Amino acid sequence: MRSRERRADPAGTRLRARLSGADKGWFFAAIASELAERRAARGLSQRELAGLVGTTQSAIARLESGGRPPRIDTLLRIADALDCDLQVTLTPRENPTEGTT
């Protein structure tokens, strides 16, 4: 992103605020819960999943506890290791904010 785009990025600012906990972590808590459930259903320990993903057990534990937002590439590797597809959707808001693009 160019510096001029960064300065005029109200949508990005709103998104960062929302994802950093402004909405009580709803987004990452849901991902963390699904990750933990799917891992357990596959009979994998955190250490075993970490080995499949190429990360550490502590990184998996942080993700599952919601302690750290995962990067999309990490989520893709985890989804692959858990034999899942990662789906991200955009859903129109009921009351769109005026002036956003």
PDB file of N, CA and C in Angstrom:
ATOM      1  N   MET A   1       0.843  -1.162   0.000  1.00  0.00           N
ATOM      2  CA  MET A   1       0.000   0.000   0.000  1.00  0.00           C
ATOM      3  C   MET A   1       0.894   1.232   0.000  1.00  0.00           C
ATOM      4  N   ARG A   2       0.625   2.188  -0.858  1.00  0.00           N
ATOM      5  CA  ARG A   2       1.415   3.408  -0.940  1.00  0.00           C
ATOM      6  C   ARG A   2       1.088   4.305   0.244  1.00  0.00           C
ATOM      7  N   SER A   3       2.029   5.212   0.563  1.00  0.00           N
ATOM      8  CA  SER A   3       1.837   6.064   1.743  1.00  0.00           C
ATOM      9  C   SER A   3       0.592   6.928   1.628  1.00  0.00           C
ATOM     10  N   ARG A   4       0.277   7.441   0.425  1.00  0.00           N
ATOM     11  CA  ARG A   4      -0.920   8.260   0.258  1.00  0.00           C
ATOM     12  C   ARG A   4      -2.167   7.435   0.541  1.00  0.00           C
ATOM     13  N   GLU A   5      -2.174   6.175   0.103  1.00  0.00           N
ATOM     14  CA  GLU A   5      -3.320   5.299   0.354  1.00  0.00           C
ATOM     15  C   GLU A   5      -3.457   4.995   1.841  1.00  0.00           C
ATOM     16  N   ARG A   6      -2.331   4.863   2.532  1.00  0.00           N
ATOM     17  CA  ARG A   6      -2.381   4.582   3.965  1.00  0.00           C
ATOM     18  C   ARG A   6      -2.998   5.737   4.733  1.00  0.00           C
ATOM     19  N   ARG A   7      -2.683   6.975   4.336  1.00  0.00           N
ATOM     20  CA  ARG A   7      -3.218   8.142   5.040  1.00  0.00           C
ATOM     21  C   ARG A   7      -4.725   8.263   4.852  1.00  0.00           C
ATOM     22  N   ALA A   8      -5.220   7.889   3.701  1.00  0.00           N
ATOM     23  CA  ALA A   8      -6.653   8.018   3.404  1.00  0.00           C
ATOM     24  C   ALA A   8      -7.321   6.648   3.444  1.00  0.00           C
ATOM     25  N   ASP A   9      -7.186   5.971   4.559  1.00  0.00           N
ATOM     26  CA  ASP A   9      -7.666   4.597   4.649  1.00  0.00           C
ATOM     27  C   ASP A   9      -8.643   4.423   5.812  1.00  0.00           C
ATOM     28  N   PRO A  10      -9.769   5.152   5.817  1.00  0.00           N
ATOM     29  CA  PRO A  10     -10.689   5.001   6.946  1.00  0.00           C
ATOM     30  C   PRO A  10     -11.269   3.599   7.045  1.00  0.00           C
ATOM     31  N   ALA A  11     -11.515   2.938   5.905  1.00  0.00           N
ATOM     32  CA  ALA A  11     -12.056   1.574   5.957  1.00  0.00           C
ATOM     33  C   ALA A  11     -11.050   0.635   6.599  1.00  0.00           C
ATOM     34  N   GLY A  12      -9.784   0.768   6.241  1.00  0.00           N
ATOM     35  CA  GLY A  12      -8.740  -0.063   6.841  1.00  0.00           C
ATOM     36  C   GLY A  12      -8.601   0.200   8.323  1.00  0.00           C
ATOM     37  N   THR A  13      -8.743   1.452   8.713  1.00  0.00           N
ATOM     38  CA  THR A  13      -8.668   1.812  10.121  1.00  0.00           C
ATOM     39  C   THR A  13      -9.815   1.165  10.890  1.00  0.00           C
ATOM     40  N   ARG A  14     -11.023   1.230  10.319  1.00  0.00           N
ATOM     41  CA  ARG A  14     -12.176   0.597  10.975  1.00  0.00           C
ATOM     42  C   ARG A  14     -11.975  -0.913  11.091  1.00  0.00           C
ATOM     43  N   LEU A  15     -11.466  -1.512  10.025  1.00  0.00           N
ATOM     44  CA  LEU A  15     -11.255  -2.958  10.043  1.00  0.00           C
ATOM     45  C   LEU A  15     -10.236  -3.342  11.099  1.00  0.00           C
ATOM     46  N   ARG A  16      -9.122  -2.624  11.152  1.00  0.00           N
ATOM     47  CA  ARG A  16      -8.105  -2.937  12.161  1.00  0.00           C
ATOM     48  C   ARG A  16      -8.680  -2.798  13.573  1.00  0.00           C
ATOM     49  N   ALA A  17      -9.478  -1.764  13.808  1.00  0.00           N
ATOM     50  CA  ALA A  17     -10.085  -1.580  15.131  1.00  0.00           C
ATOM     51  C   ALA A  17     -11.021  -2.736  15.449  1.00  0.00           C
ATOM     52  N   ARG A  18     -11.812  -3.141  14.471  1.00  0.00           N
ATOM     53  CA  ARG A  18     -12.769  -4.234  14.682  1.00  0.00           C
ATOM     54  C   ARG A  18     -12.054  -5.548  14.962  1.00  0.00           C
ATOM     55  N   LEU A  19     -11.018  -5.840  14.190  1.00  0.00           N
ATOM     56  CA  LEU A  19     -10.315  -7.114  14.348  1.00  0.00           C
ATOM     57  C   LEU A  19      -9.402  -7.135  15.561  1.00  0.00           C
ATOM     58  N   SER A  20      -9.012  -5.967  16.058  1.00  0.00           N
ATOM     59  CA  SER A  20      -8.104  -5.943  17.204  1.00  0.00           C
ATOM     60  C   SER A  20      -8.833  -6.038  18.535  1.00  0.00           C
ATOM     61  N   GLY A  21     -10.137  -6.226  18.501  1.00  0.00           N
ATOM     62  CA  GLY A  21     -10.847  -6.444  19.746  1.00  0.00           C
ATOM     63  C   GLY A  21     -11.951  -5.454  20.013  1.00  0.00           C
ATOM     64  N   ALA A  22     -12.155  -4.515  19.130  1.00  0.00           N
ATOM     65  CA  ALA A  22     -13.209  -3.543  19.356  1.00  0.00           C
ATOM     66  C   ALA A  22     -14.567  -4.217  19.478  1.00  0.00           C
ATOM     67  N   ASP A  23     -14.747  -5.345  18.829  1.00  0.00           N
ATOM     68  CA  ASP A  23     -15.997  -6.098  18.918  1.00  0.00           C
ATOM     69  C   ASP A  23     -15.813  -7.352  19.780  1.00  0.00           C
ATOM     70  N   LYS A  24     -14.990  -7.233  20.797  1.00  0.00           N
ATOM     71  CA  LYS A  24     -14.765  -8.297  21.782  1.00  0.00           C
ATOM     72  C   LYS A  24     -14.223  -9.591  21.175  1.00  0.00           C
ATOM     73  N   GLY A  25     -13.481  -9.462  20.075  1.00  0.00           N
ATOM     74  CA  GLY A  25     -12.797 -10.610  19.517  1.00  0.00           C
ATOM     75  C   GLY A  25     -13.684 -11.651  18.871  1.00  0.00           C
ATOM     76  N   TRP A  26     -14.902 -11.310  18.499  1.00  0.00           N
ATOM     77  CA  TRP A  26     -15.852 -12.277  17.941  1.00  0.00           C
ATOM     78  C   TRP A  26     -15.286 -13.040  16.761  1.00  0.00           C
ATOM     79  N   PHE A  27     -14.597 -12.363  15.890  1.00  0.00           N
ATOM     80  CA  PHE A  27     -14.115 -12.982  14.659  1.00  0.00           C
ATOM     81  C   PHE A  27     -13.086 -14.066  14.951  1.00  0.00           C
ATOM     82  N   PHE A  28     -12.053 -13.725  15.706  1.00  0.00           N
ATOM     83  CA  PHE A  28     -10.995 -14.683  15.982  1.00  0.00           C
ATOM     84  C   PHE A  28     -11.411 -15.735  16.995  1.00  0.00           C
ATOM     85  N   ALA A  29     -12.338 -15.390  17.880  1.00  0.00           N
ATOM     86  CA  ALA A  29     -12.834 -16.392  18.830  1.00  0.00           C
ATOM     87  C   ALA A  29     -13.549 -17.507  18.084  1.00  0.00           C
ATOM     88  N   ALA A  30     -14.320 -17.157  17.059  1.00  0.00           N
ATOM     89  CA  ALA A  30     -15.025 -18.173  16.275  1.00  0.00           C
ATOM     90  C   ALA A  30     -14.035 -19.062  15.531  1.00  0.00           C
ATOM     91  N   ILE A  31     -13.015 -18.466  14.946  1.00  0.00           N
ATOM     92  CA  ILE A  31     -11.993 -19.248  14.235  1.00  0.00           C
ATOM     93  C   ILE A  31     -11.250 -20.144  15.222  1.00  0.00           C
ATOM     94  N   ALA A  32     -10.883 -19.592  16.363  1.00  0.00           N
ATOM     95  CA  ALA A  32     -10.145 -20.363  17.373  1.00  0.00           C
ATOM     96  C   ALA A  32     -10.949 -21.574  17.826  1.00  0.00           C
ATOM     97  N   SER A  33     -12.237 -21.369  18.054  1.00  0.00           N
ATOM     98  CA  SER A  33     -13.098 -22.458  18.496  1.00  0.00           C
ATOM     99  C   SER A  33     -13.205 -23.546  17.429  1.00  0.00           C
ATOM    100  N   GLU A  34     -13.418 -23.144  16.195  1.00  0.00           N
ATOM    101  CA  GLU A  34     -13.513 -24.130  15.107  1.00  0.00           C
ATOM    102  C   GLU A  34     -12.205 -24.889  14.925  1.00  0.00           C
ATOM    103  N   LEU A  35     -11.096 -24.181  15.019  1.00  0.00           N
ATOM    104  CA  LEU A  35      -9.791 -24.815  14.877  1.00  0.00           C
ATOM    105  C   LEU A  35      -9.603 -25.890  15.944  1.00  0.00           C
ATOM    106  N   ALA A  36      -9.869 -25.535  17.196  1.00  0.00           N
ATOM    107  CA  ALA A  36      -9.694 -26.476  18.304  1.00  0.00           C
ATOM    108  C   ALA A  36     -10.621 -27.683  18.155  1.00  0.00           C
ATOM    109  N   GLU A  37     -11.870 -27.433  17.767  1.00  0.00           N
ATOM    110  CA  GLU A  37     -12.831 -28.531  17.599  1.00  0.00           C
ATOM    111  C   GLU A  37     -12.407 -29.475  16.473  1.00  0.00           C
ATOM    112  N   ARG A  38     -11.991 -28.914  15.366  1.00  0.00           N
ATOM    113  CA  ARG A  38     -11.592 -29.734  14.220  1.00  0.00           C
ATOM    114  C   ARG A  38     -10.324 -30.533  14.536  1.00  0.00           C
ATOM    115  N   ARG A  39      -9.378 -29.900  15.238  1.00  0.00           N
ATOM    116  CA  ARG A  39      -8.140 -30.592  15.622  1.00  0.00           C
ATOM    117  C   ARG A  39      -8.467 -31.778  16.516  1.00  0.00           C
ATOM    118  N   ALA A  40      -9.327 -31.550  17.510  1.00  0.00           N
ATOM    119  CA  ALA A  40      -9.709 -32.623  18.434  1.00  0.00           C
ATOM    120  C   ALA A  40     -10.462 -33.731  17.698  1.00  0.00           C
ATOM    121  N   ALA A  41     -11.350 -33.343  16.782  1.00  0.00           N
ATOM    122  CA  ALA A  41     -12.103 -34.345  16.021  1.00  0.00           C
ATOM    123  C   ALA A  41     -11.177 -35.218  15.172  1.00  0.00           C
ATOM    124  N   ARG A  42     -10.080 -34.663  14.732  1.00  0.00           N
ATOM    125  CA  ARG A  42      -9.103 -35.424  13.943  1.00  0.00           C
ATOM    126  C   ARG A  42      -8.151 -36.220  14.831  1.00  0.00           C
ATOM    127  N   GLY A  43      -8.273 -36.042  16.149  1.00  0.00           N
ATOM    128  CA  GLY A  43      -7.427 -36.780  17.087  1.00  0.00           C
ATOM    129  C   GLY A  43      -5.989 -36.294  17.118  1.00  0.00           C
ATOM    130  N   LEU A  44      -5.796 -35.028  16.809  1.00  0.00           N
ATOM    131  CA  LEU A  44      -4.447 -34.474  16.791  1.00  0.00           C
ATOM    132  C   LEU A  44      -4.185 -33.645  18.041  1.00  0.00           C
ATOM    133  N   SER A  45      -2.986 -33.744  18.553  1.00  0.00           N
ATOM    134  CA  SER A  45      -2.566 -32.850  19.629  1.00  0.00           C
ATOM    135  C   SER A  45      -2.142 -31.519  19.008  1.00  0.00           C
ATOM    136  N   GLN A  46      -2.002 -30.509  19.843  1.00  0.00           N
ATOM    137  CA  GLN A  46      -1.498 -29.232  19.334  1.00  0.00           C
ATOM    138  C   GLN A  46      -0.113 -29.410  18.724  1.00  0.00           C
ATOM    139  N   ARG A  47       0.711 -30.216  19.356  1.00  0.00           N
ATOM    140  CA  ARG A  47       2.074 -30.458  18.854  1.00  0.00           C
ATOM    141  C   ARG A  47       2.036 -31.152  17.497  1.00  0.00           C
ATOM    142  N   GLU A  48       1.141 -32.129  17.329  1.00  0.00           N
ATOM    143  CA  GLU A  48       1.039 -32.830  16.051  1.00  0.00           C
ATOM    144  C   GLU A  48       0.558 -31.895  14.938  1.00  0.00           C
ATOM    145  N   LEU A  49      -0.441 -31.067  15.247  1.00  0.00           N
ATOM    146  CA  LEU A  49      -0.914 -30.105  14.253  1.00  0.00           C
ATOM    147  C   LEU A  49       0.196 -29.120  13.897  1.00  0.00           C
ATOM    148  N   ALA A  50       0.904 -28.656  14.898  1.00  0.00           N
ATOM    149  CA  ALA A  50       2.006 -27.725  14.653  1.00  0.00           C
ATOM    150  C   ALA A  50       3.031 -28.340  13.701  1.00  0.00           C
ATOM    151  N   GLY A  51       3.333 -29.623  13.889  1.00  0.00           N
ATOM    152  CA  GLY A  51       4.277 -30.299  12.997  1.00  0.00           C
ATOM    153  C   GLY A  51       3.775 -30.347  11.568  1.00  0.00           C
ATOM    154  N   LEU A  52       2.488 -30.588  11.395  1.00  0.00           N
ATOM    155  CA  LEU A  52       1.907 -30.634  10.053  1.00  0.00           C
ATOM    156  C   LEU A  52       1.899 -29.259   9.392  1.00  0.00           C
ATOM    157  N   VAL A  53       1.745 -28.231  10.200  1.00  0.00           N
ATOM    158  CA  VAL A  53       1.623 -26.867   9.692  1.00  0.00           C
ATOM    159  C   VAL A  53       2.987 -26.202   9.511  1.00  0.00           C
ATOM    160  N   GLY A  54       3.979 -26.696  10.245  1.00  0.00           N
ATOM    161  CA  GLY A  54       5.304 -26.083  10.184  1.00  0.00           C
ATOM    162  C   GLY A  54       5.453 -24.919  11.143  1.00  0.00           C
ATOM    163  N   THR A  55       4.845 -25.062  12.317  1.00  0.00           N
ATOM    164  CA  THR A  55       4.940 -24.029  13.342  1.00  0.00           C
ATOM    165  C   THR A  55       5.185 -24.704  14.682  1.00  0.00           C
ATOM    166  N   THR A  56       5.002 -23.983  15.761  1.00  0.00           N
ATOM    167  CA  THR A  56       5.249 -24.543  17.090  1.00  0.00           C
ATOM    168  C   THR A  56       3.936 -24.843  17.809  1.00  0.00           C
ATOM    169  N   GLN A  57       4.017 -25.699  18.802  1.00  0.00           N
ATOM    170  CA  GLN A  57       2.842 -26.014  19.623  1.00  0.00           C
ATOM    171  C   GLN A  57       2.336 -24.760  20.300  1.00  0.00           C
ATOM    172  N   SER A  58       3.239 -23.906  20.765  1.00  0.00           N
ATOM    173  CA  SER A  58       2.804 -22.688  21.454  1.00  0.00           C
ATOM    174  C   SER A  58       2.064 -21.748  20.506  1.00  0.00           C
ATOM    175  N   ALA A  59       2.431 -21.726  19.227  1.00  0.00           N
ATOM    176  CA  ALA A  59       1.707 -20.894  18.255  1.00  0.00           C
ATOM    177  C   ALA A  59       0.286 -21.410  18.063  1.00  0.00           C
ATOM    178  N   ILE A  60       0.119 -22.729  18.005  1.00  0.00           N
ATOM    179  CA  ILE A  60      -1.223 -23.314  17.888  1.00  0.00           C
ATOM    180  C   ILE A  60      -2.031 -23.006  19.143  1.00  0.00           C
ATOM    181  N   ALA A  61      -1.406 -23.115  20.304  1.00  0.00           N
ATOM    182  CA  ALA A  61      -2.098 -22.816  21.560  1.00  0.00           C
ATOM    183  C   ALA A  61      -2.557 -21.358  21.594  1.00  0.00           C
ATOM    184  N   ARG A  62      -1.704 -20.426  21.139  1.00  0.00           N
ATOM    185  CA  ARG A  62      -2.091 -19.007  21.101  1.00  0.00           C
ATOM    186  C   ARG A  62      -3.267 -18.793  20.153  1.00  0.00           C
ATOM    187  N   LEU A  63      -3.250 -19.456  19.002  1.00  0.00           N
ATOM    188  CA  LEU A  63      -4.354 -19.324  18.052  1.00  0.00           C
ATOM    189  C   LEU A  63      -5.645 -19.856  18.651  1.00  0.00           C
ATOM    190  N   GLU A  64      -5.573 -21.032  19.267  1.00  0.00           N
ATOM    191  CA  GLU A  64      -6.771 -21.649  19.842  1.00  0.00           C
ATOM    192  C   GLU A  64      -7.329 -20.865  21.026  1.00  0.00           C
ATOM    193  N   SER A  65      -6.477 -20.153  21.730  1.00  0.00           N
ATOM    194  CA  SER A  65      -6.946 -19.364  22.876  1.00  0.00           C
ATOM    195  C   SER A  65      -7.411 -17.976  22.453  1.00  0.00           C
ATOM    196  N   GLY A  66      -7.221 -17.649  21.183  1.00  0.00           N
ATOM    197  CA  GLY A  66      -7.585 -16.324  20.702  1.00  0.00           C
ATOM    198  C   GLY A  66      -6.579 -15.272  21.103  1.00  0.00           C
ATOM    199  N   GLY A  67      -5.410 -15.714  21.559  1.00  0.00           N
ATOM    200  CA  GLY A  67      -4.392 -14.788  22.030  1.00  0.00           C
ATOM    201  C   GLY A  67      -3.700 -14.002  20.937  1.00  0.00           C
ATOM    202  N   ARG A  68      -3.766 -14.507  19.723  1.00  0.00           N
ATOM    203  CA  ARG A  68      -3.097 -13.805  18.636  1.00  0.00           C
ATOM    204  C   ARG A  68      -3.872 -14.031  17.344  1.00  0.00           C
ATOM    205  N   PRO A  69      -4.202 -12.958  16.626  1.00  0.00           N
ATOM    206  CA  PRO A  69      -4.909 -13.139  15.355  1.00  0.00           C
ATOM    207  C   PRO A  69      -4.021 -13.863  14.341  1.00  0.00           C
ATOM    208  N   PRO A  70      -4.552 -14.885  13.700  1.00  0.00           N
ATOM    209  CA  PRO A  70      -3.750 -15.637  12.734  1.00  0.00           C
ATOM    210  C   PRO A  70      -3.635 -14.908  11.408  1.00  0.00           C
ATOM    211  N   ARG A  71      -2.523 -15.102  10.739  1.00  0.00           N
ATOM    212  CA  ARG A  71      -2.353 -14.600   9.379  1.00  0.00           C
ATOM    213  C   ARG A  71      -3.092 -15.532   8.427  1.00  0.00           C
ATOM    214  N   ILE A  72      -3.505 -15.000   7.304  1.00  0.00           N
ATOM    215  CA  ILE A  72      -4.280 -15.796   6.349  1.00  0.00           C
ATOM    216  C   ILE A  72      -3.463 -16.980   5.833  1.00  0.00           C
ATOM    217  N   ASP A  73      -2.162 -16.809   5.615  1.00  0.00           N
ATOM    218  CA  ASP A  73      -1.353 -17.932   5.138  1.00  0.00           C
ATOM    219  C   ASP A  73      -1.257 -19.027   6.195  1.00  0.00           C
ATOM    220  N   THR A  74      -1.241 -18.639   7.456  1.00  0.00           N
ATOM    221  CA  THR A  74      -1.232 -19.631   8.533  1.00  0.00           C
ATOM    222  C   THR A  74      -2.560 -20.376   8.563  1.00  0.00           C
ATOM    223  N   LEU A  75      -3.662 -19.645   8.427  1.00  0.00           N
ATOM    224  CA  LEU A  75      -4.978 -20.295   8.397  1.00  0.00           C
ATOM    225  C   LEU A  75      -5.089 -21.256   7.219  1.00  0.00           C
ATOM    226  N   LEU A  76      -4.532 -20.883   6.084  1.00  0.00           N
ATOM    227  CA  LEU A  76      -4.566 -21.775   4.916  1.00  0.00           C
ATOM    228  C   LEU A  76      -3.784 -23.058   5.182  1.00  0.00           C
ATOM    229  N   ARG A  77      -2.623 -22.949   5.815  1.00  0.00           N
ATOM    230  CA  ARG A  77      -1.832 -24.151   6.130  1.00  0.00           C
ATOM    231  C   ARG A  77      -2.556 -25.022   7.160  1.00  0.00           C
ATOM    232  N   ILE A  78      -3.181 -24.385   8.152  1.00  0.00           N
ATOM    233  CA  ILE A  78      -3.930 -25.141   9.165  1.00  0.00           C
ATOM    234  C   ILE A  78      -5.122 -25.840   8.520  1.00  0.00           C
ATOM    235  N   ALA A  79      -5.853 -25.124   7.685  1.00  0.00           N
ATOM    236  CA  ALA A  79      -7.003 -25.728   6.997  1.00  0.00           C
ATOM    237  C   ALA A  79      -6.559 -26.937   6.190  1.00  0.00           C
ATOM    238  N   ASP A  80      -5.454 -26.807   5.489  1.00  0.00           N
ATOM    239  CA  ASP A  80      -4.944 -27.924   4.696  1.00  0.00           C
ATOM    240  C   ASP A  80      -4.583 -29.109   5.593  1.00  0.00           C
ATOM    241  N   ALA A  81      -3.907 -28.830   6.709  1.00  0.00           N
ATOM    242  CA  ALA A  81      -3.510 -29.899   7.629  1.00  0.00           C
ATOM    243  C   ALA A  81      -4.720 -30.588   8.257  1.00  0.00           C
ATOM    244  N   LEU A  82      -5.818 -29.849   8.419  1.00  0.00           N
ATOM    245  CA  LEU A  82      -7.032 -30.407   9.014  1.00  0.00           C
ATOM    246  C   LEU A  82      -8.012 -30.904   7.960  1.00  0.00           C
ATOM    247  N   ASP A  83      -7.551 -30.972   6.711  1.00  0.00           N
ATOM    248  CA  ASP A  83      -8.370 -31.437   5.588  1.00  0.00           C
ATOM    249  C   ASP A  83      -9.660 -30.627   5.483  1.00  0.00           C
ATOM    250  N   CYS A  84      -9.495 -29.307   5.523  1.00  0.00           N
ATOM    251  CA  CYS A  84     -10.629 -28.379   5.445  1.00  0.00           C
ATOM    252  C   CYS A  84     -10.376 -27.360   4.343  1.00  0.00           C
ATOM    253  N   ASP A  85     -11.442 -26.735   3.892  1.00  0.00           N
ATOM    254  CA  ASP A  85     -11.352 -25.577   3.022  1.00  0.00           C
ATOM    255  C   ASP A  85     -11.548 -24.344   3.890  1.00  0.00           C
ATOM    256  N   LEU A  86     -10.765 -23.323   3.639  1.00  0.00           N
ATOM    257  CA  LEU A  86     -10.926 -22.064   4.340  1.00  0.00           C
ATOM    258  C   LEU A  86     -11.836 -21.189   3.500  1.00  0.00           C
ATOM    259  N   GLN A  87     -12.912 -20.702   4.104  1.00  0.00           N
ATOM    260  CA  GLN A  87     -13.860 -19.857   3.388  1.00  0.00           C
ATOM    261  C   GLN A  87     -13.967 -18.512   4.087  1.00  0.00           C
ATOM    262  N   VAL A  88     -13.800 -17.465   3.303  1.00  0.00           N
ATOM    263  CA  VAL A  88     -13.966 -16.110   3.795  1.00  0.00           C
ATOM    264  C   VAL A  88     -15.049 -15.491   2.934  1.00  0.00           C
ATOM    265  N   THR A  89     -16.045 -14.891   3.560  1.00  0.00           N
ATOM    266  CA  THR A  89     -17.143 -14.313   2.801  1.00  0.00           C
ATOM    267  C   THR A  89     -17.327 -12.849   3.167  1.00  0.00           C
ATOM    268  N   LEU A  90     -17.856 -12.113   2.227  1.00  0.00           N
ATOM    269  CA  LEU A  90     -18.262 -10.738   2.468  1.00  0.00           C
ATOM    270  C   LEU A  90     -19.786 -10.707   2.466  1.00  0.00           C
ATOM    271  N   THR A  91     -20.359 -10.178   3.512  1.00  0.00           N
ATOM    272  CA  THR A  91     -21.805 -10.097   3.637  1.00  0.00           C
ATOM    273  C   THR A  91     -22.192  -8.626   3.747  1.00  0.00           C
ATOM    274  N   PRO A  92     -23.070  -8.160   2.877  1.00  0.00           N
ATOM    275  CA  PRO A  92     -23.465  -6.743   2.965  1.00  0.00           C
ATOM    276  C   PRO A  92     -24.067  -6.421   4.327  1.00  0.00           C
ATOM    277  N   ARG A  93     -23.756  -5.260   4.825  1.00  0.00           N
ATOM    278  CA  ARG A  93     -24.307  -4.791   6.096  1.00  0.00           C
ATOM    279  C   ARG A  93     -25.748  -4.361   5.897  1.00  0.00           C
ATOM    280  N   GLU A  94     -26.517  -4.458   6.948  1.00  0.00           N
ATOM    281  CA  GLU A  94     -27.903  -4.005   6.885  1.00  0.00           C
ATOM    282  C   GLU A  94     -27.979  -2.488   6.746  1.00  0.00           C
ATOM    283  N   ASN A  95     -27.087  -1.781   7.420  1.00  0.00           N
ATOM    284  CA  ASN A  95     -27.050  -0.323   7.381  1.00  0.00           C
ATOM    285  C   ASN A  95     -25.666   0.113   6.935  1.00  0.00           C
ATOM    286  N   PRO A  96     -25.410   0.160   5.630  1.00  0.00           N
ATOM    287  CA  PRO A  96     -24.073   0.533   5.166  1.00  0.00           C
ATOM    288  C   PRO A  96     -23.681   1.942   5.613  1.00  0.00           C
ATOM    289  N   THR A  97     -22.403   2.104   5.890  1.00  0.00           N
ATOM    290  CA  THR A  97     -21.880   3.392   6.281  1.00  0.00           C
ATOM    291  C   THR A  97     -21.780   4.273   5.047  1.00  0.00           C
ATOM    292  N   GLU A  98     -22.265   5.494   5.142  1.00  0.00           N
ATOM    293  CA  GLU A  98     -22.215   6.409   4.002  1.00  0.00           C
ATOM    294  C   GLU A  98     -20.785   6.820   3.729  1.00  0.00           C
ATOM    295  N   GLY A  99     -20.486   7.009   2.437  1.00  0.00           N
ATOM    296  CA  GLY A  99     -19.193   7.525   2.040  1.00  0.00           C
ATOM    297  C   GLY A  99     -18.087   6.502   1.973  1.00  0.00           C
ATOM    298  N   THR A 100     -18.369   5.216   2.217  1.00  0.00           N
ATOM    299  CA  THR A 100     -17.333   4.201   2.100  1.00  0.00           C
ATOM    300  C   THR A 100     -17.330   3.671   0.691  1.00  0.00           C
ATOM    301  N   THR A 101     -16.184   3.180   0.295  1.00  0.00           N
ATOM    302  CA  THR A 101     -16.063   2.604  -1.045  1.00  0.00           C
ATOM    303  C   THR A 101     -15.867   1.131  -0.969  1.00  0.00           C
TER     304      THR A 101
END
